[in-house]
Amino acid sequence: VAEFVRWLIGIAVIQAVFASLLALS
């Protein structure tokens, strides 16, 4: 469960960075 949650959070970080870069650019 903990490893699965870490993966979900890691994907969310990638999504956040990608979305922020697209919005700023």
mmCIF file of all heavy atoms, coordinates in Angstrom:
data_MODEL
# 
_entry.id   MODEL 
# 
loop_
_atom_site.group_PDB 
_atom_site.id 
_atom_site.type_symbol 
_atom_site.label_atom_id 
_atom_site.label_alt_id 
_atom_site.label_comp_id 
_atom_site.label_asym_id 
_atom_site.label_entity_id 
_atom_site.label_seq_id 
_atom_site.pdbx_PDB_ins_code 
_atom_site.Cartn_x 
_atom_site.Cartn_y 
_atom_site.Cartn_z 
_atom_site.occupancy 
_atom_site.B_iso_or_equiv 
_atom_site.pdbx_formal_charge 
_atom_site.auth_seq_id 
_atom_site.auth_comp_id 
_atom_site.auth_asym_id 
_atom_site.auth_atom_id 
_atom_site.pdbx_PDB_model_num 
ATOM 1   N N   . VAL A 1 1  ? 0.840  -1.212 0.000   1.00 0.00 ? 1  VAL A N   1 
ATOM 2   C CA  . VAL A 1 1  ? 0.000  0.000  0.000   1.00 0.00 ? 1  VAL A CA  1 
ATOM 3   C C   . VAL A 1 1  ? 0.870  1.255  0.000   1.00 0.00 ? 1  VAL A C   1 
ATOM 4   O O   . VAL A 1 1  ? 0.626  2.202  -0.756  1.00 0.00 ? 1  VAL A O   1 
ATOM 5   C CB  . VAL A 1 1  ? -0.954 -0.009 1.206   1.00 0.00 ? 1  VAL A CB  1 
ATOM 6   C CG1 . VAL A 1 1  ? -1.746 1.291  1.270   1.00 0.00 ? 1  VAL A CG1 1 
ATOM 7   C CG2 . VAL A 1 1  ? -1.906 -1.194 1.119   1.00 0.00 ? 1  VAL A CG2 1 
ATOM 8   N N   . ALA A 1 2  ? 1.903  1.261  0.851   1.00 0.00 ? 2  ALA A N   1 
ATOM 9   C CA  . ALA A 1 2  ? 2.777  2.427  0.926   1.00 0.00 ? 2  ALA A CA  1 
ATOM 10  C C   . ALA A 1 2  ? 3.505  2.663  -0.395  1.00 0.00 ? 2  ALA A C   1 
ATOM 11  O O   . ALA A 1 2  ? 3.635  3.808  -0.850  1.00 0.00 ? 2  ALA A O   1 
ATOM 12  C CB  . ALA A 1 2  ? 3.784  2.251  2.065   1.00 0.00 ? 2  ALA A CB  1 
ATOM 13  N N   . GLU A 1 3  ? 3.976  1.594  -1.020  1.00 0.00 ? 3  GLU A N   1 
ATOM 14  C CA  . GLU A 1 3  ? 4.678  1.741  -2.306  1.00 0.00 ? 3  GLU A CA  1 
ATOM 15  C C   . GLU A 1 3  ? 3.723  2.236  -3.389  1.00 0.00 ? 3  GLU A C   1 
ATOM 16  O O   . GLU A 1 3  ? 4.101  3.068  -4.222  1.00 0.00 ? 3  GLU A O   1 
ATOM 17  C CB  . GLU A 1 3  ? 5.282  0.395  -2.714  1.00 0.00 ? 3  GLU A CB  1 
ATOM 18  C CG  . GLU A 1 3  ? 6.227  0.469  -3.907  1.00 0.00 ? 3  GLU A CG  1 
ATOM 19  C CD  . GLU A 1 3  ? 7.470  1.280  -3.612  1.00 0.00 ? 3  GLU A CD  1 
ATOM 20  O OE1 . GLU A 1 3  ? 7.848  1.393  -2.430  1.00 0.00 ? 3  GLU A OE1 1 
ATOM 21  O OE2 . GLU A 1 3  ? 8.045  1.816  -4.579  1.00 0.00 ? 3  GLU A OE2 1 
ATOM 22  N N   . PHE A 1 4  ? 2.504  1.741  -3.385  1.00 0.00 ? 4  PHE A N   1 
ATOM 23  C CA  . PHE A 1 4  ? 1.508  2.193  -4.358  1.00 0.00 ? 4  PHE A CA  1 
ATOM 24  C C   . PHE A 1 4  ? 1.189  3.675  -4.160  1.00 0.00 ? 4  PHE A C   1 
ATOM 25  O O   . PHE A 1 4  ? 1.090  4.433  -5.140  1.00 0.00 ? 4  PHE A O   1 
ATOM 26  C CB  . PHE A 1 4  ? 0.240  1.346  -4.195  1.00 0.00 ? 4  PHE A CB  1 
ATOM 27  C CG  . PHE A 1 4  ? -0.867 1.715  -5.141  1.00 0.00 ? 4  PHE A CG  1 
ATOM 28  C CD1 . PHE A 1 4  ? -0.744 1.480  -6.495  1.00 0.00 ? 4  PHE A CD1 1 
ATOM 29  C CD2 . PHE A 1 4  ? -2.035 2.304  -4.669  1.00 0.00 ? 4  PHE A CD2 1 
ATOM 30  C CE1 . PHE A 1 4  ? -1.755 1.818  -7.376  1.00 0.00 ? 4  PHE A CE1 1 
ATOM 31  C CE2 . PHE A 1 4  ? -3.046 2.642  -5.535  1.00 0.00 ? 4  PHE A CE2 1 
ATOM 32  C CZ  . PHE A 1 4  ? -2.910 2.402  -6.894  1.00 0.00 ? 4  PHE A CZ  1 
ATOM 33  N N   . VAL A 1 5  ? 1.063  4.095  -2.915  1.00 0.00 ? 5  VAL A N   1 
ATOM 34  C CA  . VAL A 1 5  ? 0.802  5.506  -2.630  1.00 0.00 ? 5  VAL A CA  1 
ATOM 35  C C   . VAL A 1 5  ? 1.974  6.374  -3.084  1.00 0.00 ? 5  VAL A C   1 
ATOM 36  O O   . VAL A 1 5  ? 1.791  7.468  -3.633  1.00 0.00 ? 5  VAL A O   1 
ATOM 37  C CB  . VAL A 1 5  ? 0.520  5.699  -1.128  1.00 0.00 ? 5  VAL A CB  1 
ATOM 38  C CG1 . VAL A 1 5  ? 0.476  7.176  -0.775  1.00 0.00 ? 5  VAL A CG1 1 
ATOM 39  C CG2 . VAL A 1 5  ? -0.800 5.037  -0.745  1.00 0.00 ? 5  VAL A CG2 1 
ATOM 40  N N   . ARG A 1 6  ? 3.195  5.892  -2.876  1.00 0.00 ? 6  ARG A N   1 
ATOM 41  C CA  . ARG A 1 6  ? 4.371  6.652  -3.320  1.00 0.00 ? 6  ARG A CA  1 
ATOM 42  C C   . ARG A 1 6  ? 4.369  6.825  -4.838  1.00 0.00 ? 6  ARG A C   1 
ATOM 43  O O   . ARG A 1 6  ? 4.743  7.881  -5.356  1.00 0.00 ? 6  ARG A O   1 
ATOM 44  C CB  . ARG A 1 6  ? 5.646  5.961  -2.857  1.00 0.00 ? 6  ARG A CB  1 
ATOM 45  C CG  . ARG A 1 6  ? 5.852  5.971  -1.341  1.00 0.00 ? 6  ARG A CG  1 
ATOM 46  C CD  . ARG A 1 6  ? 7.231  5.467  -0.974  1.00 0.00 ? 6  ARG A CD  1 
ATOM 47  N NE  . ARG A 1 6  ? 7.382  5.354  0.467   1.00 0.00 ? 6  ARG A NE  1 
ATOM 48  C CZ  . ARG A 1 6  ? 7.252  4.215  1.146   1.00 0.00 ? 6  ARG A CZ  1 
ATOM 49  N NH1 . ARG A 1 6  ? 6.982  3.091  0.499   1.00 0.00 ? 6  ARG A NH1 1 
ATOM 50  N NH2 . ARG A 1 6  ? 7.405  4.201  2.449   1.00 0.00 ? 6  ARG A NH2 1 
ATOM 51  N N   . TRP A 1 7  ? 3.973  5.789  -5.539  1.00 0.00 ? 7  TRP A N   1 
ATOM 52  C CA  . TRP A 1 7  ? 3.896  5.901  -7.002  1.00 0.00 ? 7  TRP A CA  1 
ATOM 53  C C   . TRP A 1 7  ? 2.851  6.931  -7.416  1.00 0.00 ? 7  TRP A C   1 
ATOM 54  O O   . TRP A 1 7  ? 3.081  7.731  -8.335  1.00 0.00 ? 7  TRP A O   1 
ATOM 55  C CB  . TRP A 1 7  ? 3.577  4.539  -7.617  1.00 0.00 ? 7  TRP A CB  1 
ATOM 56  C CG  . TRP A 1 7  ? 4.785  3.711  -7.891  1.00 0.00 ? 7  TRP A CG  1 
ATOM 57  C CD1 . TRP A 1 7  ? 5.305  2.711  -7.116  1.00 0.00 ? 7  TRP A CD1 1 
ATOM 58  C CD2 . TRP A 1 7  ? 5.653  3.818  -9.025  1.00 0.00 ? 7  TRP A CD2 1 
ATOM 59  N NE1 . TRP A 1 7  ? 6.424  2.183  -7.702  1.00 0.00 ? 7  TRP A NE1 1 
ATOM 60  C CE2 . TRP A 1 7  ? 6.670  2.836  -8.869  1.00 0.00 ? 7  TRP A CE2 1 
ATOM 61  C CE3 . TRP A 1 7  ? 5.669  4.630  -10.148 1.00 0.00 ? 7  TRP A CE3 1 
ATOM 62  C CZ2 . TRP A 1 7  ? 7.684  2.670  -9.801  1.00 0.00 ? 7  TRP A CZ2 1 
ATOM 63  C CZ3 . TRP A 1 7  ? 6.683  4.458  -11.084 1.00 0.00 ? 7  TRP A CZ3 1 
ATOM 64  C CH2 . TRP A 1 7  ? 7.668  3.494  -10.909 1.00 0.00 ? 7  TRP A CH2 1 
ATOM 65  N N   . LEU A 1 8  ? 1.702  6.910  -6.752  1.00 0.00 ? 8  LEU A N   1 
ATOM 66  C CA  . LEU A 1 8  ? 0.664  7.886  -7.072  1.00 0.00 ? 8  LEU A CA  1 
ATOM 67  C C   . LEU A 1 8  ? 1.150  9.312  -6.824  1.00 0.00 ? 8  LEU A C   1 
ATOM 68  O O   . LEU A 1 8  ? 0.903  10.216 -7.627  1.00 0.00 ? 8  LEU A O   1 
ATOM 69  C CB  . LEU A 1 8  ? -0.592 7.606  -6.244  1.00 0.00 ? 8  LEU A CB  1 
ATOM 70  C CG  . LEU A 1 8  ? -1.377 6.336  -6.577  1.00 0.00 ? 8  LEU A CG  1 
ATOM 71  C CD1 . LEU A 1 8  ? -2.552 6.182  -5.627  1.00 0.00 ? 8  LEU A CD1 1 
ATOM 72  C CD2 . LEU A 1 8  ? -1.869 6.354  -8.020  1.00 0.00 ? 8  LEU A CD2 1 
ATOM 73  N N   . ILE A 1 9  ? 1.849  9.507  -5.709  1.00 0.00 ? 9  ILE A N   1 
ATOM 74  C CA  . ILE A 1 9  ? 2.354  10.838 -5.397  1.00 0.00 ? 9  ILE A CA  1 
ATOM 75  C C   . ILE A 1 9  ? 3.442  11.246 -6.384  1.00 0.00 ? 9  ILE A C   1 
ATOM 76  O O   . ILE A 1 9  ? 3.514  12.398 -6.823  1.00 0.00 ? 9  ILE A O   1 
ATOM 77  C CB  . ILE A 1 9  ? 2.878  10.882 -3.953  1.00 0.00 ? 9  ILE A CB  1 
ATOM 78  C CG1 . ILE A 1 9  ? 1.733  10.621 -2.972  1.00 0.00 ? 9  ILE A CG1 1 
ATOM 79  C CG2 . ILE A 1 9  ? 3.535  12.220 -3.651  1.00 0.00 ? 9  ILE A CG2 1 
ATOM 80  C CD1 . ILE A 1 9  ? 2.175  10.502 -1.529  1.00 0.00 ? 9  ILE A CD1 1 
ATOM 81  N N   . GLY A 1 10 ? 4.311  10.294 -6.753  1.00 0.00 ? 10 GLY A N   1 
ATOM 82  C CA  . GLY A 1 10 ? 5.358  10.604 -7.731  1.00 0.00 ? 10 GLY A CA  1 
ATOM 83  C C   . GLY A 1 10 ? 4.792  11.020 -9.075  1.00 0.00 ? 10 GLY A C   1 
ATOM 84  O O   . GLY A 1 10 ? 5.270  11.986 -9.700  1.00 0.00 ? 10 GLY A O   1 
ATOM 85  N N   . ILE A 1 11 ? 3.766  10.319 -9.521  1.00 0.00 ? 11 ILE A N   1 
ATOM 86  C CA  . ILE A 1 11 ? 3.112  10.692 -10.784 1.00 0.00 ? 11 ILE A CA  1 
ATOM 87  C C   . ILE A 1 11 ? 2.462  12.064 -10.659 1.00 0.00 ? 11 ILE A C   1 
ATOM 88  O O   . ILE A 1 11 ? 2.478  12.868 -11.604 1.00 0.00 ? 11 ILE A O   1 
ATOM 89  C CB  . ILE A 1 11 ? 2.082  9.618  -11.176 1.00 0.00 ? 11 ILE A CB  1 
ATOM 90  C CG1 . ILE A 1 11 ? 2.785  8.287  -11.461 1.00 0.00 ? 11 ILE A CG1 1 
ATOM 91  C CG2 . ILE A 1 11 ? 1.269  10.057 -12.387 1.00 0.00 ? 11 ILE A CG2 1 
ATOM 92  C CD1 . ILE A 1 11 ? 1.847  7.135  -11.697 1.00 0.00 ? 11 ILE A CD1 1 
ATOM 93  N N   . ALA A 1 12 ? 1.886  12.339 -9.471  1.00 0.00 ? 12 ALA A N   1 
ATOM 94  C CA  . ALA A 1 12 ? 1.280  13.654 -9.256  1.00 0.00 ? 12 ALA A CA  1 
ATOM 95  C C   . ALA A 1 12 ? 2.321  14.766 -9.324  1.00 0.00 ? 12 ALA A C   1 
ATOM 96  O O   . ALA A 1 12 ? 2.047  15.849 -9.859  1.00 0.00 ? 12 ALA A O   1 
ATOM 97  C CB  . ALA A 1 12 ? 0.572  13.678 -7.898  1.00 0.00 ? 12 ALA A CB  1 
ATOM 98  N N   . VAL A 1 13 ? 3.519  14.508 -8.812  1.00 0.00 ? 13 VAL A N   1 
ATOM 99  C CA  . VAL A 1 13 ? 4.586  15.518 -8.887  1.00 0.00 ? 13 VAL A CA  1 
ATOM 100 C C   . VAL A 1 13 ? 4.956  15.781 -10.341 1.00 0.00 ? 13 VAL A C   1 
ATOM 101 O O   . VAL A 1 13 ? 5.134  16.939 -10.756 1.00 0.00 ? 13 VAL A O   1 
ATOM 102 C CB  . VAL A 1 13 ? 5.817  15.045 -8.085  1.00 0.00 ? 13 VAL A CB  1 
ATOM 103 C CG1 . VAL A 1 13 ? 6.996  15.976 -8.316  1.00 0.00 ? 13 VAL A CG1 1 
ATOM 104 C CG2 . VAL A 1 13 ? 5.485  14.977 -6.602  1.00 0.00 ? 13 VAL A CG2 1 
ATOM 105 N N   . ILE A 1 14 ? 5.073  14.716 -11.131 1.00 0.00 ? 14 ILE A N   1 
ATOM 106 C CA  . ILE A 1 14 ? 5.388  14.883 -12.554 1.00 0.00 ? 14 ILE A CA  1 
ATOM 107 C C   . ILE A 1 14 ? 4.287  15.674 -13.259 1.00 0.00 ? 14 ILE A C   1 
ATOM 108 O O   . ILE A 1 14 ? 4.557  16.576 -14.063 1.00 0.00 ? 14 ILE A O   1 
ATOM 109 C CB  . ILE A 1 14 ? 5.587  13.505 -13.214 1.00 0.00 ? 14 ILE A CB  1 
ATOM 110 C CG1 . ILE A 1 14 ? 6.801  12.802 -12.591 1.00 0.00 ? 14 ILE A CG1 1 
ATOM 111 C CG2 . ILE A 1 14 ? 5.764  13.649 -14.720 1.00 0.00 ? 14 ILE A CG2 1 
ATOM 112 C CD1 . ILE A 1 14 ? 6.997  11.388 -13.088 1.00 0.00 ? 14 ILE A CD1 1 
ATOM 113 N N   . GLN A 1 15 ? 3.038  15.356 -12.938 1.00 0.00 ? 15 GLN A N   1 
ATOM 114 C CA  . GLN A 1 15 ? 1.913  16.086 -13.523 1.00 0.00 ? 15 GLN A CA  1 
ATOM 115 C C   . GLN A 1 15 ? 1.946  17.559 -13.128 1.00 0.00 ? 15 GLN A C   1 
ATOM 116 O O   . GLN A 1 15 ? 1.691  18.443 -13.953 1.00 0.00 ? 15 GLN A O   1 
ATOM 117 C CB  . GLN A 1 15 ? 0.589  15.456 -13.079 1.00 0.00 ? 15 GLN A CB  1 
ATOM 118 C CG  . GLN A 1 15 ? 0.277  14.115 -13.696 1.00 0.00 ? 15 GLN A CG  1 
ATOM 119 C CD  . GLN A 1 15 ? -0.266 14.248 -15.106 1.00 0.00 ? 15 GLN A CD  1 
ATOM 120 O OE1 . GLN A 1 15 ? -0.438 15.345 -15.630 1.00 0.00 ? 15 GLN A OE1 1 
ATOM 121 N NE2 . GLN A 1 15 ? -0.537 13.121 -15.730 1.00 0.00 ? 15 GLN A NE2 1 
ATOM 122 N N   . ALA A 1 16 ? 2.261  17.827 -11.848 1.00 0.00 ? 16 ALA A N   1 
ATOM 123 C CA  . ALA A 1 16 ? 2.291  19.207 -11.368 1.00 0.00 ? 16 ALA A CA  1 
ATOM 124 C C   . ALA A 1 16 ? 3.383  20.005 -12.075 1.00 0.00 ? 16 ALA A C   1 
ATOM 125 O O   . ALA A 1 16 ? 3.165  21.148 -12.497 1.00 0.00 ? 16 ALA A O   1 
ATOM 126 C CB  . ALA A 1 16 ? 2.498  19.227 -9.855  1.00 0.00 ? 16 ALA A CB  1 
ATOM 127 N N   . VAL A 1 17 ? 4.572  19.408 -12.209 1.00 0.00 ? 17 VAL A N   1 
ATOM 128 C CA  . VAL A 1 17 ? 5.677  20.106 -12.875 1.00 0.00 ? 17 VAL A CA  1 
ATOM 129 C C   . VAL A 1 17 ? 5.348  20.329 -14.346 1.00 0.00 ? 17 VAL A C   1 
ATOM 130 O O   . VAL A 1 17 ? 5.545  21.437 -14.888 1.00 0.00 ? 17 VAL A O   1 
ATOM 131 C CB  . VAL A 1 17 ? 6.976  19.297 -12.722 1.00 0.00 ? 17 VAL A CB  1 
ATOM 132 C CG1 . VAL A 1 17 ? 8.095  19.908 -13.568 1.00 0.00 ? 17 VAL A CG1 1 
ATOM 133 C CG2 . VAL A 1 17 ? 7.394  19.231 -11.260 1.00 0.00 ? 17 VAL A CG2 1 
ATOM 134 N N   . PHE A 1 18 ? 4.831  19.314 -14.994 1.00 0.00 ? 18 PHE A N   1 
ATOM 135 C CA  . PHE A 1 18 ? 4.501  19.421 -16.420 1.00 0.00 ? 18 PHE A CA  1 
ATOM 136 C C   . PHE A 1 18 ? 3.419  20.477 -16.646 1.00 0.00 ? 18 PHE A C   1 
ATOM 137 O O   . PHE A 1 18 ? 3.529  21.317 -17.555 1.00 0.00 ? 18 PHE A O   1 
ATOM 138 C CB  . PHE A 1 18 ? 4.054  18.056 -16.937 1.00 0.00 ? 18 PHE A CB  1 
ATOM 139 C CG  . PHE A 1 18 ? 3.753  18.023 -18.405 1.00 0.00 ? 18 PHE A CG  1 
ATOM 140 C CD1 . PHE A 1 18 ? 4.744  18.273 -19.343 1.00 0.00 ? 18 PHE A CD1 1 
ATOM 141 C CD2 . PHE A 1 18 ? 2.467  17.747 -18.860 1.00 0.00 ? 18 PHE A CD2 1 
ATOM 142 C CE1 . PHE A 1 18 ? 4.469  18.245 -20.696 1.00 0.00 ? 18 PHE A CE1 1 
ATOM 143 C CE2 . PHE A 1 18 ? 2.191  17.721 -20.214 1.00 0.00 ? 18 PHE A CE2 1 
ATOM 144 C CZ  . PHE A 1 18 ? 3.198  17.965 -21.133 1.00 0.00 ? 18 PHE A CZ  1 
ATOM 145 N N   . ALA A 1 19 ? 2.372  20.447 -15.811 1.00 0.00 ? 19 ALA A N   1 
ATOM 146 C CA  . ALA A 1 19 ? 1.283  21.421 -15.957 1.00 0.00 ? 19 ALA A CA  1 
ATOM 147 C C   . ALA A 1 19 ? 1.762  22.829 -15.679 1.00 0.00 ? 19 ALA A C   1 
ATOM 148 O O   . ALA A 1 19 ? 1.381  23.778 -16.381 1.00 0.00 ? 19 ALA A O   1 
ATOM 149 C CB  . ALA A 1 19 ? 0.139  21.049 -15.025 1.00 0.00 ? 19 ALA A CB  1 
ATOM 150 N N   . SER A 1 20 ? 2.613  22.999 -14.663 1.00 0.00 ? 20 SER A N   1 
ATOM 151 C CA  . SER A 1 20 ? 3.111  24.332 -14.333 1.00 0.00 ? 20 SER A CA  1 
ATOM 152 C C   . SER A 1 20 ? 3.987  24.888 -15.449 1.00 0.00 ? 20 SER A C   1 
ATOM 153 O O   . SER A 1 20 ? 3.895  26.072 -15.802 1.00 0.00 ? 20 SER A O   1 
ATOM 154 C CB  . SER A 1 20 ? 3.896  24.282 -13.020 1.00 0.00 ? 20 SER A CB  1 
ATOM 155 O OG  . SER A 1 20 ? 3.069  23.835 -11.957 1.00 0.00 ? 20 SER A OG  1 
ATOM 156 N N   . LEU A 1 21 ? 4.850  24.042 -16.016 1.00 0.00 ? 21 LEU A N   1 
ATOM 157 C CA  . LEU A 1 21 ? 5.720  24.503 -17.106 1.00 0.00 ? 21 LEU A CA  1 
ATOM 158 C C   . LEU A 1 21 ? 4.900  24.908 -18.328 1.00 0.00 ? 21 LEU A C   1 
ATOM 159 O O   . LEU A 1 21 ? 5.186  25.923 -18.973 1.00 0.00 ? 21 LEU A O   1 
ATOM 160 C CB  . LEU A 1 21 ? 6.717  23.397 -17.479 1.00 0.00 ? 21 LEU A CB  1 
ATOM 161 C CG  . LEU A 1 21 ? 7.803  23.094 -16.450 1.00 0.00 ? 21 LEU A CG  1 
ATOM 162 C CD1 . LEU A 1 21 ? 8.656  21.923 -16.904 1.00 0.00 ? 21 LEU A CD1 1 
ATOM 163 C CD2 . LEU A 1 21 ? 8.671  24.318 -16.194 1.00 0.00 ? 21 LEU A CD2 1 
ATOM 164 N N   . LEU A 1 22 ? 3.866  24.129 -18.641 1.00 0.00 ? 22 LEU A N   1 
ATOM 165 C CA  . LEU A 1 22 ? 3.027  24.474 -19.786 1.00 0.00 ? 22 LEU A CA  1 
ATOM 166 C C   . LEU A 1 22 ? 2.268  25.773 -19.532 1.00 0.00 ? 22 LEU A C   1 
ATOM 167 O O   . LEU A 1 22 ? 2.124  26.607 -20.441 1.00 0.00 ? 22 LEU A O   1 
ATOM 168 C CB  . LEU A 1 22 ? 2.042  23.341 -20.075 1.00 0.00 ? 22 LEU A CB  1 
ATOM 169 C CG  . LEU A 1 22 ? 2.614  22.043 -20.653 1.00 0.00 ? 22 LEU A CG  1 
ATOM 170 C CD1 . LEU A 1 22 ? 1.494  21.060 -20.932 1.00 0.00 ? 22 LEU A CD1 1 
ATOM 171 C CD2 . LEU A 1 22 ? 3.406  22.308 -21.919 1.00 0.00 ? 22 LEU A CD2 1 
ATOM 172 N N   . ALA A 1 23 ? 1.774  25.946 -18.299 1.00 0.00 ? 23 ALA A N   1 
ATOM 173 C CA  . ALA A 1 23 ? 1.023  27.158 -17.995 1.00 0.00 ? 23 ALA A CA  1 
ATOM 174 C C   . ALA A 1 23 ? 1.916  28.397 -18.021 1.00 0.00 ? 23 ALA A C   1 
ATOM 175 O O   . ALA A 1 23 ? 1.505  29.459 -18.511 1.00 0.00 ? 23 ALA A O   1 
ATOM 176 C CB  . ALA A 1 23 ? 0.354  27.022 -16.626 1.00 0.00 ? 23 ALA A CB  1 
ATOM 177 N N   . LEU A 1 24 ? 3.138  28.269 -17.521 1.00 0.00 ? 24 LEU A N   1 
ATOM 178 C CA  . LEU A 1 24 ? 4.043  29.417 -17.488 1.00 0.00 ? 24 LEU A CA  1 
ATOM 179 C C   . LEU A 1 24 ? 4.614  29.746 -18.869 1.00 0.00 ? 24 LEU A C   1 
ATOM 180 O O   . LEU A 1 24 ? 4.885  30.912 -19.172 1.00 0.00 ? 24 LEU A O   1 
ATOM 181 C CB  . LEU A 1 24 ? 5.191  29.148 -16.508 1.00 0.00 ? 24 LEU A CB  1 
ATOM 182 C CG  . LEU A 1 24 ? 4.797  29.046 -15.025 1.00 0.00 ? 24 LEU A CG  1 
ATOM 183 C CD1 . LEU A 1 24 ? 5.992  28.645 -14.192 1.00 0.00 ? 24 LEU A CD1 1 
ATOM 184 C CD2 . LEU A 1 24 ? 4.213  30.358 -14.538 1.00 0.00 ? 24 LEU A CD2 1 
ATOM 185 N N   . SER A 1 25 ? 4.795  28.719 -19.694 1.00 0.00 ? 25 SER A N   1 
ATOM 186 C CA  . SER A 1 25 ? 5.360  28.953 -21.030 1.00 0.00 ? 25 SER A CA  1 
ATOM 187 C C   . SER A 1 25 ? 4.299  29.305 -22.057 1.00 0.00 ? 25 SER A C   1 
ATOM 188 O O   . SER A 1 25 ? 4.620  29.702 -23.172 1.00 0.00 ? 25 SER A O   1 
ATOM 189 C CB  . SER A 1 25 ? 6.119  27.708 -21.495 1.00 0.00 ? 25 SER A CB  1 
ATOM 190 O OG  . SER A 1 25 ? 5.236  26.600 -21.612 1.00 0.00 ? 25 SER A OG  1 
# 
